[in-house]
């Protein structure tokens, strides 16, 4: 998400990209890597669930990046792709919940003691896969799946906030057409 109205080279195309600096992208990358680990460990080929979970995790991460890159030319596309990322991760969350339910393992409530511990871990500055590795690669499958659900919930929350901010930014600043018109008018006024 780029809410900075500064443009590149003084033109009407705003700065865009920078998705690697987004916490939502960084955590989505951890979710992708964790899902690769999880599906290799707990599913056997040719189970289609493997491909579906990996694709949902990949879609979450990749659509955040694509939305950020598209932001310069289309706020509509940026909002759409950010929402696709969110929807993909919601689908992935259901897969982890299905795993727990079908294996008769509990899905942690917000009040679970390990959810509180996970929240502490989540506050770690510059968190990466290694920050969560003891949970994601835990010997207990209940901890592995619930840790992934905790991470997914965090990113879904962050993406919902991004979408709200994108909407607000669009209402305040418009999109490329408004910037193009404004730049053209300013250019004509300078020529006079």
Protein backbone atom coordinates (compact mmCIF):
# COMPACT_ATOMS: atom_id res chain seq x y z
CA UNK A 1 0.00 0.00 0.00
CA UNK A 2 1.44 3.33 -0.97
CA UNK A 3 -0.47 6.27 0.43
CA UNK A 4 2.32 8.69 -0.38
CA UNK A 5 1.14 11.22 -2.94
CA UNK A 6 4.67 12.09 -4.05
CA UNK A 7 5.25 11.31 -7.67
CA UNK A 8 8.27 9.95 -9.44
CA UNK A 9 10.27 12.51 -11.43
CA UNK A 10 7.71 15.25 -10.77
CA UNK A 11 5.13 13.58 -13.06
CA UNK A 12 1.70 12.26 -12.31
CA UNK A 13 2.68 8.63 -11.67
CA UNK A 14 3.00 8.17 -7.90
CA UNK A 15 5.72 6.19 -6.23
CA UNK A 16 4.68 2.56 -6.07
CA UNK A 17 6.00 -0.85 -5.19
CA UNK A 18 7.85 -1.20 -1.93
CA UNK A 19 5.81 -4.29 -1.05
CA UNK A 20 8.80 -5.95 0.63
CA UNK A 21 8.54 -3.27 3.34
CA UNK A 22 4.89 -4.11 4.07
CA UNK A 23 4.41 -6.15 7.23
CA UNK A 24 1.50 -7.90 5.51
CA UNK A 25 3.84 -9.08 2.73
CA UNK A 26 6.60 -10.12 5.15
CA UNK A 27 4.18 -12.21 7.20
CA UNK A 28 2.49 -13.59 4.06
CA UNK A 29 5.92 -14.83 2.98
CA UNK A 30 6.29 -16.61 6.34
CA UNK A 31 2.84 -18.15 5.80
CA UNK A 32 3.88 -19.37 2.36
CA UNK A 33 7.10 -20.92 3.67
CA UNK A 34 5.25 -22.42 6.64
CA UNK A 35 2.60 -23.88 4.37
CA UNK A 36 5.26 -25.54 2.20
CA UNK A 37 6.73 -27.09 5.36
CA UNK A 38 3.31 -28.08 6.74
CA UNK A 39 2.01 -29.73 3.57
CA UNK A 40 5.23 -31.70 3.06
CA UNK A 41 5.05 -32.94 6.63
CA UNK A 42 1.36 -33.71 7.09
CA UNK A 43 0.03 -34.60 3.62
CA UNK A 44 1.05 -37.24 1.12
CA UNK A 45 1.02 -36.84 -2.64
CA UNK A 46 -1.23 -37.02 -4.65
CA UNK A 47 -3.52 -35.29 -2.11
CA UNK A 48 -4.95 -32.24 -3.92
CA UNK A 49 -5.05 -30.39 -0.60
CA UNK A 50 -1.29 -29.85 -0.92
CA UNK A 51 -1.62 -27.92 -4.19
CA UNK A 52 -4.66 -26.00 -2.97
CA UNK A 53 -3.01 -24.89 0.29
CA UNK A 54 0.26 -23.96 -1.39
CA UNK A 55 -1.61 -22.06 -4.12
CA UNK A 56 -3.72 -20.15 -1.55
CA UNK A 57 -0.58 -19.23 0.42
CA UNK A 58 1.20 -18.19 -2.78
CA UNK A 59 -1.79 -16.18 -3.95
CA UNK A 60 -1.87 -14.30 -0.65
CA UNK A 61 1.77 -13.30 -0.95
CA UNK A 62 1.91 -12.67 -4.69
CA UNK A 63 -1.27 -10.57 -4.81
CA UNK A 64 0.08 -8.23 -2.13
CA UNK A 65 3.16 -7.68 -4.31
CA UNK A 66 1.14 -7.29 -7.51
CA UNK A 67 -1.27 -4.85 -5.84
CA UNK A 68 1.64 -2.71 -4.71
CA UNK A 69 3.15 -2.66 -8.21
CA UNK A 70 -0.22 -1.87 -9.84
CA UNK A 71 -0.94 0.98 -7.43
CA UNK A 72 0.63 3.63 -9.65
CA UNK A 73 -1.77 3.13 -12.54
CA UNK A 74 -4.93 1.76 -10.95
CA UNK A 75 -6.19 2.19 -7.42
CA UNK A 76 -9.09 -0.09 -8.38
CA UNK A 77 -6.65 -2.87 -9.28
CA UNK A 78 -4.66 -2.28 -6.11
CA UNK A 79 -7.77 -2.59 -3.96
CA UNK A 80 -9.01 -5.61 -5.94
CA UNK A 81 -5.70 -7.50 -5.67
CA UNK A 82 -5.31 -6.68 -1.98
CA UNK A 83 -8.76 -8.16 -1.44
CA UNK A 84 -7.83 -11.24 -3.50
CA UNK A 85 -4.81 -11.72 -1.21
CA UNK A 86 -7.10 -11.48 1.82
CA UNK A 87 -9.62 -13.94 0.35
CA UNK A 88 -6.87 -16.43 -0.52
CA UNK A 89 -5.58 -16.35 3.04
CA UNK A 90 -9.12 -16.79 4.39
CA UNK A 91 -9.39 -19.92 2.22
CA UNK A 92 -6.05 -21.14 3.60
CA UNK A 93 -7.23 -20.53 7.16
CA UNK A 94 -10.17 -22.85 6.49
CA UNK A 95 -7.76 -25.55 5.25
CA UNK A 96 -5.82 -25.40 8.51
CA UNK A 97 -9.07 -25.49 10.50
CA UNK A 98 -10.18 -28.52 8.44
CA UNK A 99 -6.89 -30.23 9.26
CA UNK A 100 -7.43 -29.68 12.99
CA UNK A 101 -11.09 -30.70 12.92
CA UNK A 102 -10.57 -33.87 10.87
CA UNK A 103 -7.69 -34.89 13.12
CA UNK A 104 -9.79 -34.18 16.22
CA UNK A 105 -7.44 -31.45 17.38
CA UNK A 106 -8.69 -28.21 18.97
CA UNK A 107 -8.79 -24.88 17.18
CA UNK A 108 -7.46 -22.39 19.70
CA UNK A 109 -9.72 -19.68 21.02
CA UNK A 110 -8.42 -16.13 21.46
CA UNK A 111 -8.00 -16.82 25.16
CA UNK A 112 -5.74 -19.86 24.70
CA UNK A 113 -2.42 -19.37 26.51
CA UNK A 114 -0.37 -20.08 23.39
CA UNK A 115 -2.32 -17.48 21.41
CA UNK A 116 -1.16 -14.95 23.99
CA UNK A 117 2.42 -16.20 23.52
CA UNK A 118 2.01 -15.92 19.78
CA UNK A 119 0.91 -12.30 20.17
CA UNK A 120 4.13 -11.62 22.08
CA UNK A 121 6.18 -13.19 19.29
CA UNK A 122 4.29 -11.14 16.76
CA UNK A 123 5.53 -7.92 18.37
CA UNK A 124 9.12 -8.89 17.62
CA UNK A 125 10.62 -6.22 15.35
CA UNK A 126 11.63 -7.56 11.92
CA UNK A 127 10.04 -10.95 12.61
CA UNK A 128 10.89 -13.62 10.07
CA UNK A 129 10.40 -17.37 9.69
CA UNK A 130 12.98 -18.07 12.38
CA UNK A 131 10.93 -15.98 14.85
CA UNK A 132 8.09 -18.49 14.54
CA UNK A 133 10.03 -21.66 13.65
CA UNK A 134 9.49 -23.34 17.04
CA UNK A 135 5.73 -23.02 16.56
CA UNK A 136 5.53 -23.70 12.81
CA UNK A 137 7.83 -26.73 12.97
CA UNK A 138 6.71 -27.97 16.39
CA UNK A 139 6.49 -31.74 16.87
CA UNK A 140 2.86 -31.31 17.93
CA UNK A 141 0.59 -30.89 14.85
CA UNK A 142 -1.94 -28.96 16.95
CA UNK A 143 0.67 -26.27 17.61
CA UNK A 144 1.82 -26.21 13.96
CA UNK A 145 -1.65 -25.72 12.49
CA UNK A 146 -2.81 -23.26 15.13
CA UNK A 147 0.39 -21.22 14.75
CA UNK A 148 -0.31 -20.94 11.04
CA UNK A 149 -3.90 -19.89 11.78
CA UNK A 150 -2.60 -17.20 14.16
CA UNK A 151 -0.27 -15.84 11.46
CA UNK A 152 -3.02 -15.93 8.85
CA UNK A 153 -5.43 -14.05 11.13
CA UNK A 154 -2.78 -11.36 11.63
CA UNK A 155 -2.28 -10.89 7.88
CA UNK A 156 -6.03 -10.91 7.18
CA UNK A 157 -6.40 -8.15 9.79
CA UNK A 158 -3.53 -6.16 8.25
CA UNK A 159 -4.98 -6.52 4.75
CA UNK A 160 -8.41 -5.37 5.94
CA UNK A 161 -6.72 -2.27 7.38
CA UNK A 162 -4.81 -1.75 4.12
CA UNK A 163 -8.05 -1.92 2.13
CA UNK A 164 -9.64 0.67 4.43
CA UNK A 165 -6.61 2.95 3.99
CA UNK A 166 -6.63 2.46 0.21
CA UNK A 167 -10.30 3.41 0.10
CA UNK A 168 -9.69 6.51 2.21
CA UNK A 169 -6.69 7.49 0.09
CA UNK A 170 -8.69 7.09 -3.12
CA UNK A 171 -11.51 9.24 -1.78
CA UNK A 172 -9.06 11.96 -0.74
CA UNK A 173 -6.70 11.87 -3.72
CA UNK A 174 -8.44 10.10 -6.57
CA UNK A 175 -6.69 7.91 -9.08
CA UNK A 176 -4.49 8.20 -12.12
CA UNK A 177 -7.09 10.04 -14.23
CA UNK A 178 -7.44 12.82 -11.67
CA UNK A 179 -3.66 13.13 -11.41
CA UNK A 180 -3.28 13.15 -15.20
CA UNK A 181 -5.90 15.88 -15.59
CA UNK A 182 -4.35 17.95 -12.83
CA UNK A 183 -0.85 17.57 -14.31
CA UNK A 184 -2.09 18.58 -17.76
CA UNK A 185 -3.87 21.67 -16.40
CA UNK A 186 -0.78 22.65 -14.41
CA UNK A 187 1.40 22.15 -17.49
CA UNK A 188 -0.87 24.36 -19.62
CA UNK A 189 -0.94 27.05 -16.93
CA UNK A 190 2.88 27.08 -16.82
CA UNK A 191 3.04 27.52 -20.59
CA UNK A 192 0.79 30.61 -20.47
